C-alpha atoms as a PDB file:
ATOM      1  CA  UNK A   1      37.590 -89.119  41.434  1.00  0.00           C
ATOM      2  CA  UNK A   2      41.380 -88.940  41.356  1.00  0.00           C
ATOM      3  CA  UNK A   3      43.091 -92.263  40.702  1.00  0.00           C
ATOM      4  CA  UNK A   4      46.643 -93.118  41.733  1.00  0.00           C
ATOM      5  CA  UNK A   5      49.259 -95.825  41.442  1.00  0.00           C
ATOM      6  CA  UNK A   6      51.127 -96.528  44.644  1.00  0.00           C
ATOM      7  CA  UNK A   7      54.606 -97.977  44.456  1.00  0.00           C
ATOM      8  CA  UNK A   8      55.920-100.069  47.327  1.00  0.00           C
ATOM      9  CA  UNK A   9      59.027-102.257  47.470  1.00  0.00           C
ATOM     10  CA  UNK A  10      59.086-105.297  49.757  1.00  0.00           C
ATOM     11  CA  UNK A  11      61.670-107.830  50.848  1.00  0.00           C
ATOM     12  CA  UNK A  12      60.316-110.855  48.960  1.00  0.00           C
ATOM     13  CA  UNK A  13      57.670-112.174  46.609  1.00  0.00           C
ATOM     14  CA  UNK A  14      55.991-113.859  49.596  1.00  0.00           C
ATOM     15  CA  UNK A  15      55.721-110.546  51.446  1.00  0.00           C
ATOM     16  CA  UNK A  16      54.396-108.972  48.235  1.00  0.00           C
ATOM     17  CA  UNK A  17      51.670-111.617  48.026  1.00  0.00           C
ATOM     18  CA  UNK A  18      50.724-111.149  51.690  1.00  0.00           C
ATOM     19  CA  UNK A  19      50.391-107.383  51.341  1.00  0.00           C
ATOM     20  CA  UNK A  20      48.610-107.681  47.995  1.00  0.00           C
ATOM     21  CA  UNK A  21      46.047-110.069  49.456  1.00  0.00           C
ATOM     22  CA  UNK A  22      45.496-107.826  52.505  1.00  0.00           C
ATOM     23  CA  UNK A  23      44.949-104.752  50.296  1.00  0.00           C
ATOM     24  CA  UNK A  24      42.446-106.555  48.087  1.00  0.00           C
ATOM     25  CA  UNK A  25      40.608-108.140  51.013  1.00  0.00           C
ATOM     26  CA  UNK A  26      40.250-104.698  52.614  1.00  0.00           C
ATOM     27  CA  UNK A  27      38.869-103.387  49.265  1.00  0.00           C
ATOM     28  CA  UNK A  28      41.302-100.457  49.334  1.00  0.00           C
ATOM     29  CA  UNK A  29      42.979-101.467  46.055  1.00  0.00           C
ATOM     30  CA  UNK A  30      41.376-102.498  42.782  1.00  0.00           C
ATOM     31  CA  UNK A  31      44.469-104.288  41.479  1.00  0.00           C
ATOM     32  CA  UNK A  32      47.983-105.021  42.696  1.00  0.00           C
ATOM     33  CA  UNK A  33      50.718-106.020  40.270  1.00  0.00           C
ATOM     34  CA  UNK A  34      53.820-107.743  41.626  1.00  0.00           C
ATOM     35  CA  UNK A  35      57.164-107.422  39.865  1.00  0.00           C
ATOM     36  CA  UNK A  36      59.709-109.810  41.350  1.00  0.00           C
ATOM     37  CA  UNK A  37      63.445-109.533  40.830  1.00  0.00           C
ATOM     38  CA  UNK A  38      63.793-105.798  41.449  1.00  0.00           C
ATOM     39  CA  UNK A  39      67.305-104.741  42.447  1.00  0.00           C
ATOM     40  CA  UNK A  40      67.329-101.613  44.602  1.00  0.00           C
ATOM     41  CA  UNK A  41      70.341 -99.471  45.493  1.00  0.00           C
ATOM     42  CA  UNK A  42      69.990 -96.844  48.224  1.00  0.00           C
ATOM     43  CA  UNK A  43      71.507 -94.987  51.136  1.00  0.00           C
ATOM     44  CA  UNK A  44      70.617 -96.340  54.590  1.00  0.00           C
ATOM     45  CA  UNK A  45      72.068 -95.021  57.829  1.00  0.00           C
ATOM     46  CA  UNK A  46      75.086 -93.505  56.100  1.00  0.00           C
ATOM     47  CA  UNK A  47      75.999 -96.567  54.037  1.00  0.00           C
ATOM     48  CA  UNK A  48      75.348 -97.429  50.421  1.00  0.00           C
ATOM     49  CA  UNK A  49      73.182-100.577  50.365  1.00  0.00           C
ATOM     50  CA  UNK A  50      71.507-102.834  47.834  1.00  0.00           C
ATOM     51  CA  UNK A  51      68.789-105.462  48.053  1.00  0.00           C
ATOM     52  CA  UNK A  52      66.817-107.857  45.908  1.00  0.00           C
ATOM     53  CA  UNK A  53      63.184-106.894  46.302  1.00  0.00           C
ATOM     54  CA  UNK A  54      59.732-107.205  44.793  1.00  0.00           C
ATOM     55  CA  UNK A  55      57.776-104.173  43.650  1.00  0.00           C
ATOM     56  CA  UNK A  56      54.062-103.687  44.261  1.00  0.00           C
ATOM     57  CA  UNK A  57      52.170-101.429  41.856  1.00  0.00           C
ATOM     58  CA  UNK A  58      48.867-100.702  43.573  1.00  0.00           C
ATOM     59  CA  UNK A  59      45.969 -99.146  41.649  1.00  0.00           C
ATOM     60  CA  UNK A  60      43.471 -97.233  43.767  1.00  0.00           C
ATOM     61  CA  UNK A  61      41.947 -93.807  44.362  1.00  0.00           C
ATOM     62  CA  UNK A  62      43.544 -90.868  46.125  1.00  0.00           C
ATOM     63  CA  UNK A  63      40.836 -91.116  48.803  1.00  0.00           C
ATOM     64  CA  UNK A  64      42.093 -94.611  49.703  1.00  0.00           C
ATOM     65  CA  UNK A  65      45.769 -93.665  50.130  1.00  0.00           C
ATOM     66  CA  UNK A  66      45.680 -93.529  53.934  1.00  0.00           C
ATOM     67  CA  UNK A  67      43.876 -96.888  54.067  1.00  0.00           C
ATOM     68  CA  UNK A  68      46.432 -98.447  51.708  1.00  0.00           C
ATOM     69  CA  UNK A  69      49.294 -97.061  53.797  1.00  0.00           C
ATOM     70  CA  UNK A  70      47.721 -98.435  57.002  1.00  0.00           C
ATOM     71  CA  UNK A  71      47.370-101.945  55.515  1.00  0.00           C
ATOM     72  CA  UNK A  72      50.916-101.893  54.148  1.00  0.00           C
ATOM     73  CA  UNK A  73      52.341-100.835  57.508  1.00  0.00           C
ATOM     74  CA  UNK A  74      50.469-103.659  59.266  1.00  0.00           C
ATOM     75  CA  UNK A  75      52.208-106.282  57.101  1.00  0.00           C
ATOM     76  CA  UNK A  76      55.511-104.729  55.974  1.00  0.00           C
ATOM     77  CA  UNK A  77      58.849-105.902  57.356  1.00  0.00           C
ATOM     78  CA  UNK A  78      60.825-102.678  56.734  1.00  0.00           C
ATOM     79  CA  UNK A  79      61.375 -99.983  59.332  1.00  0.00           C
ATOM     80  CA  UNK A  80      60.765 -97.300  56.685  1.00  0.00           C
ATOM     81  CA  UNK A  81      58.853 -98.767  53.743  1.00  0.00           C
ATOM     82  CA  UNK A  82      58.567 -96.989  50.411  1.00  0.00           C
ATOM     83  CA  UNK A  83      54.931 -95.940  49.891  1.00  0.00           C
ATOM     84  CA  UNK A  84      54.712 -93.450  47.015  1.00  0.00           C
ATOM     85  CA  UNK A  85      51.518 -92.375  45.244  1.00  0.00           C
ATOM     86  CA  UNK A  86      51.655 -91.125  41.664  1.00  0.00           C
ATOM     87  CA  UNK A  87      48.557 -89.626  40.028  1.00  0.00           C
ATOM     88  CA  UNK A  88      47.161 -91.323  36.955  1.00  0.00           C
ATOM     89  CA  UNK A  89      46.817 -88.396  34.566  1.00  0.00           C
ATOM     90  CA  UNK A  90      45.277 -90.316  31.662  1.00  0.00           C
ATOM     91  CA  UNK A  91      43.890 -93.816  31.208  1.00  0.00           C
ATOM     92  CA  UNK A  92      41.255 -95.870  29.412  1.00  0.00           C
ATOM     93  CA  UNK A  93      37.924 -94.579  30.838  1.00  0.00           C
ATOM     94  CA  UNK A  94      36.333 -98.027  31.356  1.00  0.00           C
ATOM     95  CA  UNK A  95      39.404 -99.066  33.372  1.00  0.00           C
ATOM     96  CA  UNK A  96      39.147 -95.959  35.558  1.00  0.00           C
ATOM     97  CA  UNK A  97      35.434 -96.601  36.094  1.00  0.00           C
ATOM     98  CA  UNK A  98      36.139-100.201  37.113  1.00  0.00           C
ATOM     99  CA  UNK A  99      38.935 -99.077  39.437  1.00  0.00           C
ATOM    100  CA  UNK A 100      36.758 -96.494  41.204  1.00  0.00           C
ATOM    101  CA  UNK A 101      33.888 -98.960  41.564  1.00  0.00           C
ATOM    102  CA  UNK A 102      36.208-101.657  42.964  1.00  0.00           C
ATOM    103  CA  UNK A 103      37.307 -99.502  45.916  1.00  0.00           C
ATOM    104  CA  UNK A 104      34.033 -97.684  46.508  1.00  0.00           C
ATOM    105  CA  UNK A 105      32.456 -97.630  49.958  1.00  0.00           C
ATOM    106  CA  UNK A 106      29.517 -99.569  48.528  1.00  0.00           C
ATOM    107  CA  UNK A 107      31.765-102.432  47.379  1.00  0.00           C
ATOM    108  CA  UNK A 108      33.730-102.356  50.638  1.00  0.00           C
ATOM    109  CA  UNK A 109      30.537-102.670  52.663  1.00  0.00           C
ATOM    110  CA  UNK A 110      31.108 -99.331  54.392  1.00  0.00           C
END
């Protein structure tokens, strides 16, 4: 089973907590780490912008990406949120086993 980390920036630590809780409640993420105090610089509608944000690092499986995206979009305040999946190419096997079990259909009651 392919595992991924999904990166998503949000407008505040409160929004990060809301989305994190929703992802975990839906059993589509095994773990969500929140890094507050992220400073982002970017182009938006032809202008150079910057914002103080929080970063979510979501650990899940590739099969759950669409579910994670759906939950994020239900709770996210941005018009075009960053939702980027990066494959985990190597990791501690017991951690990967735990991660896969945590988001399995059996655990989610599906």
